Each structure stands twice: as C-alpha cells, then as structure tokens.
C-alpha atoms as a PDB file:
ATOM      1  CA  UNK A   1       0.000   0.000   0.000  1.00  0.00           C
ATOM      2  CA  UNK A   2       2.596   2.596   1.054  1.00  0.00           C
ATOM      3  CA  UNK A   3       4.993   1.356  -1.574  1.00  0.00           C
ATOM      4  CA  UNK A   4       2.608   2.193  -4.414  1.00  0.00           C
ATOM      5  CA  UNK A   5       1.640   5.499  -2.799  1.00  0.00           C
ATOM      6  CA  UNK A   6       5.303   6.468  -2.496  1.00  0.00           C
ATOM      7  CA  UNK A   7       6.059   5.617  -6.103  1.00  0.00           C
ATOM      8  CA  UNK A   8       2.979   7.432  -7.403  1.00  0.00           C
ATOM      9  CA  UNK A   9       3.535  10.448  -5.150  1.00  0.00           C
ATOM     10  CA  UNK A  10       7.082  10.944  -6.416  1.00  0.00           C
ATOM     11  CA  UNK A  11       5.805  10.854 -10.006  1.00  0.00           C
ATOM     12  CA  UNK A  12       2.993  13.300  -9.171  1.00  0.00           C
ATOM     13  CA  UNK A  13       5.297  15.799  -7.478  1.00  0.00           C
ATOM     14  CA  UNK A  14       7.940  15.487 -10.174  1.00  0.00           C
ATOM     15  CA  UNK A  15       5.390  16.236 -12.887  1.00  0.00           C
ATOM     16  CA  UNK A  16       4.069  19.212 -10.926  1.00  0.00           C
ATOM     17  CA  UNK A  17       7.631  20.503 -10.743  1.00  0.00           C
ATOM     18  CA  UNK A  18       7.955  19.851 -14.478  1.00  0.00           C
ATOM     19  CA  UNK A  19      11.295  18.082 -14.218  1.00  0.00           C
ATOM     20  CA  UNK A  20      12.407  14.888 -15.911  1.00  0.00           C
ATOM     21  CA  UNK A  21      13.086  11.739 -13.947  1.00  0.00           C
ATOM     22  CA  UNK A  22      16.661  11.800 -15.251  1.00  0.00           C
ATOM     23  CA  UNK A  23      17.307  15.388 -14.140  1.00  0.00           C
ATOM     24  CA  UNK A  24      15.801  14.734 -10.726  1.00  0.00           C
ATOM     25  CA  UNK A  25      17.916  11.585 -10.321  1.00  0.00           C
ATOM     26  CA  UNK A  26      21.105  13.426 -11.195  1.00  0.00           C
ATOM     27  CA  UNK A  27      20.260  16.380  -8.943  1.00  0.00           C
ATOM     28  CA  UNK A  28      19.813  13.924  -6.072  1.00  0.00           C
ATOM     29  CA  UNK A  29      23.288  12.562  -6.803  1.00  0.00           C
ATOM     30  CA  UNK A  30      21.985   9.220  -8.037  1.00  0.00           C
ATOM     31  CA  UNK A  31      22.367   7.345 -11.309  1.00  0.00           C
ATOM     32  CA  UNK A  32      20.262   8.691 -14.168  1.00  0.00           C
ATOM     33  CA  UNK A  33      17.580   5.975 -13.864  1.00  0.00           C
ATOM     34  CA  UNK A  34      17.054   6.165 -10.066  1.00  0.00           C
ATOM     35  CA  UNK A  35      13.702   7.983 -10.127  1.00  0.00           C
ATOM     36  CA  UNK A  36      12.543   6.072 -13.210  1.00  0.00           C
ATOM     37  CA  UNK A  37      13.111   2.774 -11.379  1.00  0.00           C
ATOM     38  CA  UNK A  38      11.105   4.022  -8.401  1.00  0.00           C
ATOM     39  CA  UNK A  39       8.224   5.326 -10.516  1.00  0.00           C
ATOM     40  CA  UNK A  40       8.109   2.095 -12.535  1.00  0.00           C
ATOM     41  CA  UNK A  41       7.807   0.081  -9.314  1.00  0.00           C
ATOM     42  CA  UNK A  42      11.172  -1.616  -9.705  1.00  0.00           C
ATOM     43  CA  UNK A  43      12.668  -0.036  -6.577  1.00  0.00           C
ATOM     44  CA  UNK A  44      11.871   1.992  -3.486  1.00  0.00           C
ATOM     45  CA  UNK A  45      13.980   4.766  -2.002  1.00  0.00           C
ATOM     46  CA  UNK A  46      15.696   4.154   1.300  1.00  0.00           C
ATOM     47  CA  UNK A  47      14.479   6.223   4.228  1.00  0.00           C
ATOM     48  CA  UNK A  48      17.432   8.565   3.732  1.00  0.00           C
ATOM     49  CA  UNK A  49      16.639   8.671   0.007  1.00  0.00           C
ATOM     50  CA  UNK A  50      13.051   9.602   0.784  1.00  0.00           C
ATOM     51  CA  UNK A  51      14.277  12.427   3.025  1.00  0.00           C
ATOM     52  CA  UNK A  52      16.420  13.721   0.151  1.00  0.00           C
ATOM     53  CA  UNK A  53      13.447  13.488  -2.207  1.00  0.00           C
ATOM     54  CA  UNK A  54      11.293  15.472   0.232  1.00  0.00           C
ATOM     55  CA  UNK A  55      14.055  18.054   0.555  1.00  0.00           C
ATOM     56  CA  UNK A  56      14.280  18.233  -3.246  1.00  0.00           C
ATOM     57  CA  UNK A  57      10.569  19.104  -3.404  1.00  0.00           C
ATOM     58  CA  UNK A  58      10.794  21.475  -0.434  1.00  0.00           C
ATOM     59  CA  UNK A  59       8.328  19.533   1.702  1.00  0.00           C
ATOM     60  CA  UNK A  60       8.423  17.517   4.906  1.00  0.00           C
ATOM     61  CA  UNK A  61       7.870  13.757   5.027  1.00  0.00           C
ATOM     62  CA  UNK A  62       4.531  14.501   6.714  1.00  0.00           C
ATOM     63  CA  UNK A  63       3.486  16.629   3.735  1.00  0.00           C
ATOM     64  CA  UNK A  64       4.736  13.939   1.366  1.00  0.00           C
ATOM     65  CA  UNK A  65       2.488  11.300   2.958  1.00  0.00           C
ATOM     66  CA  UNK A  66      -0.568  13.570   3.307  1.00  0.00           C
ATOM     67  CA  UNK A  67      -2.671  11.948   0.603  1.00  0.00           C
ATOM     68  CA  UNK A  68      -5.418  14.540   1.117  1.00  0.00           C
ATOM     69  CA  UNK A  69      -3.069  17.246  -0.141  1.00  0.00           C
ATOM     70  CA  UNK A  70      -2.578  16.986  -3.893  1.00  0.00           C
ATOM     71  CA  UNK A  71      -0.289  20.039  -4.011  1.00  0.00           C
ATOM     72  CA  UNK A  72       1.969  19.929  -0.940  1.00  0.00           C
ATOM     73  CA  UNK A  73       4.706  22.097  -2.459  1.00  0.00           C
ATOM     74  CA  UNK A  74       2.336  24.907  -3.366  1.00  0.00           C
ATOM     75  CA  UNK A  75       0.532  24.693  -0.034  1.00  0.00           C
ATOM     76  CA  UNK A  76       3.815  24.807   1.907  1.00  0.00           C
ATOM     77  CA  UNK A  77       4.897  27.889  -0.074  1.00  0.00           C
ATOM     78  CA  UNK A  78       1.535  29.542   0.544  1.00  0.00           C
ATOM     79  CA  UNK A  79       1.674  28.871   4.278  1.00  0.00           C
ATOM     80  CA  UNK A  80       5.176  30.340   4.484  1.00  0.00           C
ATOM     81  CA  UNK A  81       3.988  33.502   2.722  1.00  0.00           C
ATOM     82  CA  UNK A  82       0.883  33.731   4.886  1.00  0.00           C
ATOM     83  CA  UNK A  83       2.993  33.616   8.058  1.00  0.00           C
ATOM     84  CA  UNK A  84       4.272  37.066   7.088  1.00  0.00           C
ATOM     85  CA  UNK A  85       0.794  38.634   7.013  1.00  0.00           C
ATOM     86  CA  UNK A  86      -1.023  40.507   9.751  1.00  0.00           C
ATOM     87  CA  UNK A  87      -4.287  39.275  11.281  1.00  0.00           C
ATOM     88  CA  UNK A  88      -6.528  41.458   9.092  1.00  0.00           C
ATOM     89  CA  UNK A  89      -4.901  40.217   5.899  1.00  0.00           C
ATOM     90  CA  UNK A  90      -5.223  36.609   7.048  1.00  0.00           C
ATOM     91  CA  UNK A  91      -8.923  37.152   7.718  1.00  0.00           C
ATOM     92  CA  UNK A  92      -9.381  38.499   4.176  1.00  0.00           C
ATOM     93  CA  UNK A  93      -7.580  35.530   2.677  1.00  0.00           C
ATOM     94  CA  UNK A  94      -9.590  33.103   4.811  1.00  0.00           C
ATOM     95  CA  UNK A  95     -12.831  34.687   3.564  1.00  0.00           C
ATOM     96  CA  UNK A  96     -11.681  34.428  -0.056  1.00  0.00           C
ATOM     97  CA  UNK A  97     -10.701  30.779   0.361  1.00  0.00           C
ATOM     98  CA  UNK A  98     -14.008  29.901   2.040  1.00  0.00           C
ATOM     99  CA  UNK A  99     -15.892  31.571  -0.805  1.00  0.00           C
ATOM    100  CA  UNK A 100     -13.841  29.711  -3.424  1.00  0.00           C
ATOM    101  CA  UNK A 101     -14.284  26.363  -1.711  1.00  0.00           C
ATOM    102  CA  UNK A 102     -17.986  26.976  -1.294  1.00  0.00           C
ATOM    103  CA  UNK A 103     -18.363  27.646  -5.020  1.00  0.00           C
ATOM    104  CA  UNK A 104     -17.007  24.252  -6.081  1.00  0.00           C
END
C-alpha cells in the first residue's frame, strides 16, 4: 500500500515541478535511472533517500504522505507567505478561500 503510494507520489510531485526523472535523479546525486526505477515500481527509495526526495521538493515527510493534499509544495509555499501577514490580511484571505471552496 505505502509502496505504491510512495512511487505514485514521487511521479505526481515530479510532474508538478515539471522536471524529468533523469534530471531529478542526477540532482539527487543518483544514477540517471534512479527515479525512473522508483516510478516504474522496480525499486523503493531508502528512508534517507526519501528524506532527500522530500528536501528536493521542499516539503516535509509529513506533507509527502498527506494523501489529502494533492499540491503539498504549493501549499507549503503559501503557508510560508501567509505567516508574514497581519491578522486582518489573514482574515481576508480566509474569507476568499471559504468563498472559493464553497463555489465548487
């Protein structure tokens, strides 16, 4: 169960980042087929490898495994930006988000 999730999640995040499996593999310091082997269910990353993958995407392992969050990178960036806002601005953003969610 977690094996397939991990493999699919890496592919999802890589495609969102718009980077090739080869480029990601090389950036992680691995052979050029490392990510391809993971995504094609021929291998799994080690725990340390998974930490490096999370770092590559700029997310925590918790965010990686949050299957209810389809866009963990974007959400993490948004939260970091929102931490810089004052209370009134946060209230405005919260109202906008609630309206957007309610319209779907």
